[in-house]
Amino acid sequence: MYLLTVKDGLVTRHVGPYPSPKQASDDLDRVLASFSDRARWQIHALESPKTLSLPDRMQARDRAISAVAS
């Protein structure tokens, strides 16, 4: 599963989940229509916490935090 994250100034919006990155990308034009031209976006792969060990979960959390902060 994939999540589309759009950041526009102080506003961050998460859209999805999508079964594939192509479907998230196909929906990008519709989602970006409600944001300014300076909005930044990323597509993130969602990982199931049940399949990750504790160190893996912490690394995934750190990646998600740094992606949203940037």
PDB file of N, CA and C in Angstrom:
ATOM      1  N   MET A   1       0.845  -1.173   0.000  1.00  0.00           N
ATOM      2  CA  MET A   1       0.000   0.000   0.000  1.00  0.00           C
ATOM      3  C   MET A   1       0.896   1.244   0.000  1.00  0.00           C
ATOM      4  N   TYR A   2       0.371   2.312  -0.574  1.00  0.00           N
ATOM      5  CA  TYR A   2       1.142   3.546  -0.724  1.00  0.00           C
ATOM      6  C   TYR A   2       0.296   4.729  -0.279  1.00  0.00           C
ATOM      7  N   LEU A   3       0.964   5.746   0.231  1.00  0.00           N
ATOM      8  CA  LEU A   3       0.327   6.946   0.728  1.00  0.00           C
ATOM      9  C   LEU A   3       0.927   8.150   0.014  1.00  0.00           C
ATOM     10  N   LEU A   4       0.077   9.045  -0.441  1.00  0.00           N
ATOM     11  CA  LEU A   4       0.509  10.281  -1.087  1.00  0.00           C
ATOM     12  C   LEU A   4       0.526  11.377  -0.031  1.00  0.00           C
ATOM     13  N   THR A   5       1.675  12.015   0.159  1.00  0.00           N
ATOM     14  CA  THR A   5       1.823  13.093   1.129  1.00  0.00           C
ATOM     15  C   THR A   5       2.122  14.385   0.377  1.00  0.00           C
ATOM     16  N   VAL A   6       1.296  15.415   0.627  1.00  0.00           N
ATOM     17  CA  VAL A   6       1.479  16.713  -0.021  1.00  0.00           C
ATOM     18  C   VAL A   6       1.682  17.751   1.071  1.00  0.00           C
ATOM     19  N   LYS A   7       2.745  18.544   0.933  1.00  0.00           N
ATOM     20  CA  LYS A   7       3.047  19.596   1.897  1.00  0.00           C
ATOM     21  C   LYS A   7       3.034  20.930   1.167  1.00  0.00           C
ATOM     22  N   ASP A   8       2.240  21.860   1.695  1.00  0.00           N
ATOM     23  CA  ASP A   8       2.107  23.195   1.107  1.00  0.00           C
ATOM     24  C   ASP A   8       2.200  24.203   2.248  1.00  0.00           C
ATOM     25  N   GLY A   9       3.379  24.770   2.448  1.00  0.00           N
ATOM     26  CA  GLY A   9       3.576  25.676   3.579  1.00  0.00           C
ATOM     27  C   GLY A   9       3.449  24.897   4.877  1.00  0.00           C
ATOM     28  N   LEU A  10       2.517  25.320   5.735  1.00  0.00           N
ATOM     29  CA  LEU A  10       2.299  24.650   7.022  1.00  0.00           C
ATOM     30  C   LEU A  10       1.273  23.532   6.939  1.00  0.00           C
ATOM     31  N   VAL A  11       0.664  23.349   5.790  1.00  0.00           N
ATOM     32  CA  VAL A  11      -0.381  22.339   5.613  1.00  0.00           C
ATOM     33  C   VAL A  11       0.226  21.061   5.030  1.00  0.00           C
ATOM     34  N   THR A  12      -0.008  19.947   5.721  1.00  0.00           N
ATOM     35  CA  THR A  12       0.408  18.642   5.218  1.00  0.00           C
ATOM     36  C   THR A  12      -0.829  17.768   5.126  1.00  0.00           C
ATOM     37  N   ARG A  13      -1.017  17.154   3.965  1.00  0.00           N
ATOM     38  CA  ARG A  13      -2.193  16.311   3.756  1.00  0.00           C
ATOM     39  C   ARG A  13      -1.733  14.940   3.286  1.00  0.00           C
ATOM     40  N   HIS A  14      -2.329  13.895   3.874  1.00  0.00           N
ATOM     41  CA  HIS A  14      -2.024  12.518   3.506  1.00  0.00           C
ATOM     42  C   HIS A  14      -3.252  11.950   2.800  1.00  0.00           C
ATOM     43  N   VAL A  15      -3.043  11.391   1.612  1.00  0.00           N
ATOM     44  CA  VAL A  15      -4.142  10.866   0.815  1.00  0.00           C
ATOM     45  C   VAL A  15      -3.842   9.410   0.494  1.00  0.00           C
ATOM     46  N   GLY A  16      -4.830   8.578   0.593  1.00  0.00           N
ATOM     47  CA  GLY A  16      -4.649   7.163   0.273  1.00  0.00           C
ATOM     48  C   GLY A  16      -5.315   6.310   1.308  1.00  0.00           C
ATOM     49  N   PRO A  17      -5.002   5.085   1.379  1.00  0.00           N
ATOM     50  CA  PRO A  17      -3.914   4.371   0.711  1.00  0.00           C
ATOM     51  C   PRO A  17      -4.274   3.971  -0.717  1.00  0.00           C
ATOM     52  N   TYR A  18      -3.234   3.739  -1.496  1.00  0.00           N
ATOM     53  CA  TYR A  18      -3.349   3.272  -2.875  1.00  0.00           C
ATOM     54  C   TYR A  18      -2.672   1.906  -2.980  1.00  0.00           C
ATOM     55  N   PRO A  19      -3.185   1.032  -3.823  1.00  0.00           N
ATOM     56  CA  PRO A  19      -2.563  -0.288  -3.972  1.00  0.00           C
ATOM     57  C   PRO A  19      -1.210  -0.256  -4.688  1.00  0.00           C
ATOM     58  N   SER A  20      -0.961   0.779  -5.500  1.00  0.00           N
ATOM     59  CA  SER A  20       0.306   0.850  -6.225  1.00  0.00           C
ATOM     60  C   SER A  20       0.763   2.301  -6.332  1.00  0.00           C
ATOM     61  N   PRO A  21       2.065   2.536  -6.519  1.00  0.00           N
ATOM     62  CA  PRO A  21       2.534   3.910  -6.685  1.00  0.00           C
ATOM     63  C   PRO A  21       1.981   4.545  -7.969  1.00  0.00           C
ATOM     64  N   LYS A  22       1.682   3.734  -8.978  1.00  0.00           N
ATOM     65  CA  LYS A  22       1.106   4.270 -10.213  1.00  0.00           C
ATOM     66  C   LYS A  22      -0.269   4.864  -9.957  1.00  0.00           C
ATOM     67  N   GLN A  23      -1.070   4.207  -9.146  1.00  0.00           N
ATOM     68  CA  GLN A  23      -2.400   4.738  -8.841  1.00  0.00           C
ATOM     69  C   GLN A  23      -2.297   6.024  -8.022  1.00  0.00           C
ATOM     70  N   ALA A  24      -1.337   6.094  -7.114  1.00  0.00           N
ATOM     71  CA  ALA A  24      -1.120   7.331  -6.355  1.00  0.00           C
ATOM     72  C   ALA A  24      -0.697   8.443  -7.296  1.00  0.00           C
ATOM     73  N   SER A  25       0.191   8.134  -8.221  1.00  0.00           N
ATOM     74  CA  SER A  25       0.653   9.115  -9.192  1.00  0.00           C
ATOM     75  C   SER A  25      -0.483   9.573 -10.111  1.00  0.00           C
ATOM     76  N   ASP A  26      -1.340   8.642 -10.511  1.00  0.00           N
ATOM     77  CA  ASP A  26      -2.481   8.985 -11.367  1.00  0.00           C
ATOM     78  C   ASP A  26      -3.445   9.933 -10.665  1.00  0.00           C
ATOM     79  N   ASP A  27      -3.541   9.845  -9.342  1.00  0.00           N
ATOM     80  CA  ASP A  27      -4.450  10.691  -8.563  1.00  0.00           C
ATOM     81  C   ASP A  27      -3.814  12.030  -8.191  1.00  0.00           C
ATOM     82  N   LEU A  28      -2.545  12.196  -8.501  1.00  0.00           N
ATOM     83  CA  LEU A  28      -1.796  13.377  -8.090  1.00  0.00           C
ATOM     84  C   LEU A  28      -2.392  14.680  -8.627  1.00  0.00           C
ATOM     85  N   ASP A  29      -2.779  14.721  -9.890  1.00  0.00           N
ATOM     86  CA  ASP A  29      -3.351  15.950 -10.464  1.00  0.00           C
ATOM     87  C   ASP A  29      -4.604  16.390  -9.725  1.00  0.00           C
ATOM     88  N   ARG A  30      -5.462  15.436  -9.389  1.00  0.00           N
ATOM     89  CA  ARG A  30      -6.688  15.767  -8.666  1.00  0.00           C
ATOM     90  C   ARG A  30      -6.366  16.341  -7.284  1.00  0.00           C
ATOM     91  N   VAL A  31      -5.419  15.717  -6.598  1.00  0.00           N
ATOM     92  CA  VAL A  31      -5.064  16.160  -5.240  1.00  0.00           C
ATOM     93  C   VAL A  31      -4.377  17.524  -5.283  1.00  0.00           C
ATOM     94  N   LEU A  32      -3.460  17.732  -6.228  1.00  0.00           N
ATOM     95  CA  LEU A  32      -2.716  18.989  -6.293  1.00  0.00           C
ATOM     96  C   LEU A  32      -3.573  20.178  -6.713  1.00  0.00           C
ATOM     97  N   ALA A  33      -4.742  19.925  -7.267  1.00  0.00           N
ATOM     98  CA  ALA A  33      -5.621  21.016  -7.689  1.00  0.00           C
ATOM     99  C   ALA A  33      -6.048  21.896  -6.508  1.00  0.00           C
ATOM    100  N   SER A  34      -6.043  21.349  -5.307  1.00  0.00           N
ATOM    101  CA  SER A  34      -6.456  22.125  -4.134  1.00  0.00           C
ATOM    102  C   SER A  34      -5.274  22.758  -3.394  1.00  0.00           C
ATOM    103  N   PHE A  35      -4.070  22.696  -3.970  1.00  0.00           N
ATOM    104  CA  PHE A  35      -2.875  23.272  -3.355  1.00  0.00           C
ATOM    105  C   PHE A  35      -2.264  24.331  -4.265  1.00  0.00           C
ATOM    106  N   SER A  36      -1.335  25.101  -3.721  1.00  0.00           N
ATOM    107  CA  SER A  36      -0.642  26.115  -4.525  1.00  0.00           C
ATOM    108  C   SER A  36       0.373  25.442  -5.452  1.00  0.00           C
ATOM    109  N   ASP A  37       0.937  26.227  -6.360  1.00  0.00           N
ATOM    110  CA  ASP A  37       1.927  25.710  -7.303  1.00  0.00           C
ATOM    111  C   ASP A  37       3.230  25.320  -6.618  1.00  0.00           C
ATOM    112  N   ARG A  38       3.440  25.797  -5.400  1.00  0.00           N
ATOM    113  CA  ARG A  38       4.688  25.513  -4.682  1.00  0.00           C
ATOM    114  C   ARG A  38       4.597  24.264  -3.810  1.00  0.00           C
ATOM    115  N   ALA A  39       3.489  23.557  -3.844  1.00  0.00           N
ATOM    116  CA  ALA A  39       3.316  22.363  -3.014  1.00  0.00           C
ATOM    117  C   ALA A  39       4.321  21.287  -3.405  1.00  0.00           C
ATOM    118  N   ARG A  40       4.819  20.581  -2.406  1.00  0.00           N
ATOM    119  CA  ARG A  40       5.734  19.466  -2.625  1.00  0.00           C
ATOM    120  C   ARG A  40       4.996  18.175  -2.303  1.00  0.00           C
ATOM    121  N   TRP A  41       5.339  17.100  -2.992  1.00  0.00           N
ATOM    122  CA  TRP A  41       4.644  15.838  -2.757  1.00  0.00           C
ATOM    123  C   TRP A  41       5.630  14.678  -2.781  1.00  0.00           C
ATOM    124  N   GLN A  42       5.210  13.577  -2.125  1.00  0.00           N
ATOM    125  CA  GLN A  42       5.976  12.334  -2.101  1.00  0.00           C
ATOM    126  C   GLN A  42       5.004  11.169  -2.033  1.00  0.00           C
ATOM    127  N   ILE A  43       5.425  10.042  -2.539  1.00  0.00           N
ATOM    128  CA  ILE A  43       4.659   8.808  -2.402  1.00  0.00           C
ATOM    129  C   ILE A  43       5.452   7.897  -1.472  1.00  0.00           C
ATOM    130  N   HIS A  44       4.799   7.448  -0.405  1.00  0.00           N
ATOM    131  CA  HIS A  44       5.454   6.619   0.602  1.00  0.00           C
ATOM    132  C   HIS A  44       4.877   5.212   0.583  1.00  0.00           C
ATOM    133  N   ALA A  45       5.723   4.221   0.728  1.00  0.00           N
ATOM    134  CA  ALA A  45       5.279   2.841   0.881  1.00  0.00           C
ATOM    135  C   ALA A  45       4.872   2.631   2.335  1.00  0.00           C
ATOM    136  N   LEU A  46       3.690   2.086   2.545  1.00  0.00           N
ATOM    137  CA  LEU A  46       3.235   1.787   3.898  1.00  0.00           C
ATOM    138  C   LEU A  46       3.692   0.381   4.257  1.00  0.00           C
ATOM    139  N   GLU A  47       4.177   0.225   5.479  1.00  0.00           N
ATOM    140  CA  GLU A  47       4.654  -1.067   5.939  1.00  0.00           C
ATOM    141  C   GLU A  47       3.810  -1.513   7.112  1.00  0.00           C
ATOM    142  N   SER A  48       3.495  -2.769   7.162  1.00  0.00           N
ATOM    143  CA  SER A  48       2.697  -3.310   8.253  1.00  0.00           C
ATOM    144  C   SER A  48       3.563  -3.445   9.505  1.00  0.00           C
ATOM    145  N   PRO A  49       3.141  -2.865  10.623  1.00  0.00           N
ATOM    146  CA  PRO A  49       3.931  -2.986  11.856  1.00  0.00           C
ATOM    147  C   PRO A  49       4.104  -4.434  12.307  1.00  0.00           C
ATOM    148  N   LYS A  50       3.157  -5.307  11.970  1.00  0.00           N
ATOM    149  CA  LYS A  50       3.241  -6.704  12.389  1.00  0.00           C
ATOM    150  C   LYS A  50       4.399  -7.431  11.710  1.00  0.00           C
ATOM    151  N   THR A  51       4.775  -6.992  10.515  1.00  0.00           N
ATOM    152  CA  THR A  51       5.844  -7.687   9.793  1.00  0.00           C
ATOM    153  C   THR A  51       7.226  -7.121  10.085  1.00  0.00           C
ATOM    154  N   LEU A  52       7.302  -6.028  10.809  1.00  0.00           N
ATOM    155  CA  LEU A  52       8.584  -5.401  11.102  1.00  0.00           C
ATOM    156  C   LEU A  52       9.038  -5.721  12.516  1.00  0.00           C
ATOM    157  N   SER A  53      10.329  -5.920  12.700  1.00  0.00           N
ATOM    158  CA  SER A  53      10.871  -6.067  14.047  1.00  0.00           C
ATOM    159  C   SER A  53      10.936  -4.683  14.689  1.00  0.00           C
ATOM    160  N   LEU A  54      11.176  -4.601  15.976  1.00  0.00           N
ATOM    161  CA  LEU A  54      11.217  -3.319  16.674  1.00  0.00           C
ATOM    162  C   LEU A  54      12.252  -2.369  16.070  1.00  0.00           C
ATOM    163  N   PRO A  55      13.510  -2.794  15.811  1.00  0.00           N
ATOM    164  CA  PRO A  55      14.465  -1.854  15.187  1.00  0.00           C
ATOM    165  C   PRO A  55      13.991  -1.380  13.816  1.00  0.00           C
ATOM    166  N   ASP A  56      13.368  -2.277  13.035  1.00  0.00           N
ATOM    167  CA  ASP A  56      12.856  -1.882  11.728  1.00  0.00           C
ATOM    168  C   ASP A  56      11.728  -0.858  11.864  1.00  0.00           C
ATOM    169  N   ARG A  57      10.864  -1.059  12.850  1.00  0.00           N
ATOM    170  CA  ARG A  57       9.771  -0.106  13.069  1.00  0.00           C
ATOM    171  C   ARG A  57      10.302   1.259  13.456  1.00  0.00           C
ATOM    172  N   MET A  58      11.345   1.281  14.274  1.00  0.00           N
ATOM    173  CA  MET A  58      11.911   2.563  14.692  1.00  0.00           C
ATOM    174  C   MET A  58      12.563   3.270  13.510  1.00  0.00           C
ATOM    175  N   GLN A  59      13.234   2.525  12.636  1.00  0.00           N
ATOM    176  CA  GLN A  59      13.833   3.118  11.444  1.00  0.00           C
ATOM    177  C   GLN A  59      12.752   3.635  10.500  1.00  0.00           C
ATOM    178  N   ALA A  60      11.671   2.881  10.338  1.00  0.00           N
ATOM    179  CA  ALA A  60      10.562   3.320   9.479  1.00  0.00           C
ATOM    180  C   ALA A  60       9.929   4.585  10.049  1.00  0.00           C
ATOM    181  N   ARG A  61       9.774   4.643  11.374  1.00  0.00           N
ATOM    182  CA  ARG A  61       9.225   5.835  12.017  1.00  0.00           C
ATOM    183  C   ARG A  61      10.139   7.029  11.793  1.00  0.00           C
ATOM    184  N   ASP A  62      11.448   6.836  11.956  1.00  0.00           N
ATOM    185  CA  ASP A  62      12.403   7.925  11.755  1.00  0.00           C
ATOM    186  C   ASP A  62      12.391   8.415  10.317  1.00  0.00           C
ATOM    187  N   ARG A  63      12.277   7.485   9.333  1.00  0.00           N
ATOM    188  CA  ARG A  63      12.194   7.892   7.926  1.00  0.00           C
ATOM    189  C   ARG A  63      10.926   8.697   7.678  1.00  0.00           C
ATOM    190  N   ALA A  64       9.811   8.275   8.264  1.00  0.00           N
ATOM    191  CA  ALA A  64       8.553   8.983   8.068  1.00  0.00           C
ATOM    192  C   ALA A  64       8.617  10.382   8.680  1.00  0.00           C
ATOM    193  N   ILE A  65       9.213  10.502   9.848  1.00  0.00           N
ATOM    194  CA  ILE A  65       9.335  11.799  10.513  1.00  0.00           C
ATOM    195  C   ILE A  65      10.229  12.727   9.700  1.00  0.00           C
ATOM    196  N   SER A  66      11.346  12.221   9.210  1.00  0.00           N
ATOM    197  CA  SER A  66      12.251  13.077   8.441  1.00  0.00           C
ATOM    198  C   SER A  66      11.639  13.447   7.102  1.00  0.00           C
ATOM    199  N   ALA A  67      10.842  12.566   6.499  1.00  0.00           N
ATOM    200  CA  ALA A  67      10.196  12.882   5.222  1.00  0.00           C
ATOM    201  C   ALA A  67       9.154  13.983   5.404  1.00  0.00           C
ATOM    202  N   VAL A  68       8.400  13.930   6.488  1.00  0.00           N
ATOM    203  CA  VAL A  68       7.371  14.951   6.731  1.00  0.00           C
ATOM    204  C   VAL A  68       8.033  16.268   7.110  1.00  0.00           C
ATOM    205  N   ALA A  69       9.143  16.205   7.833  1.00  0.00           N
ATOM    206  CA  ALA A  69       9.812  17.428   8.273  1.00  0.00           C
ATOM    207  C   ALA A  69      10.494  18.166   7.124  1.00  0.00           C
ATOM    208  N   SER A  70      10.815  17.450   6.059  1.00  0.00           N
ATOM    209  CA  SER A  70      11.518  18.107   4.947  1.00  0.00           C
ATOM    210  C   SER A  70      10.579  18.709   3.936  1.00  0.00           C
TER     211      SER A  70
END
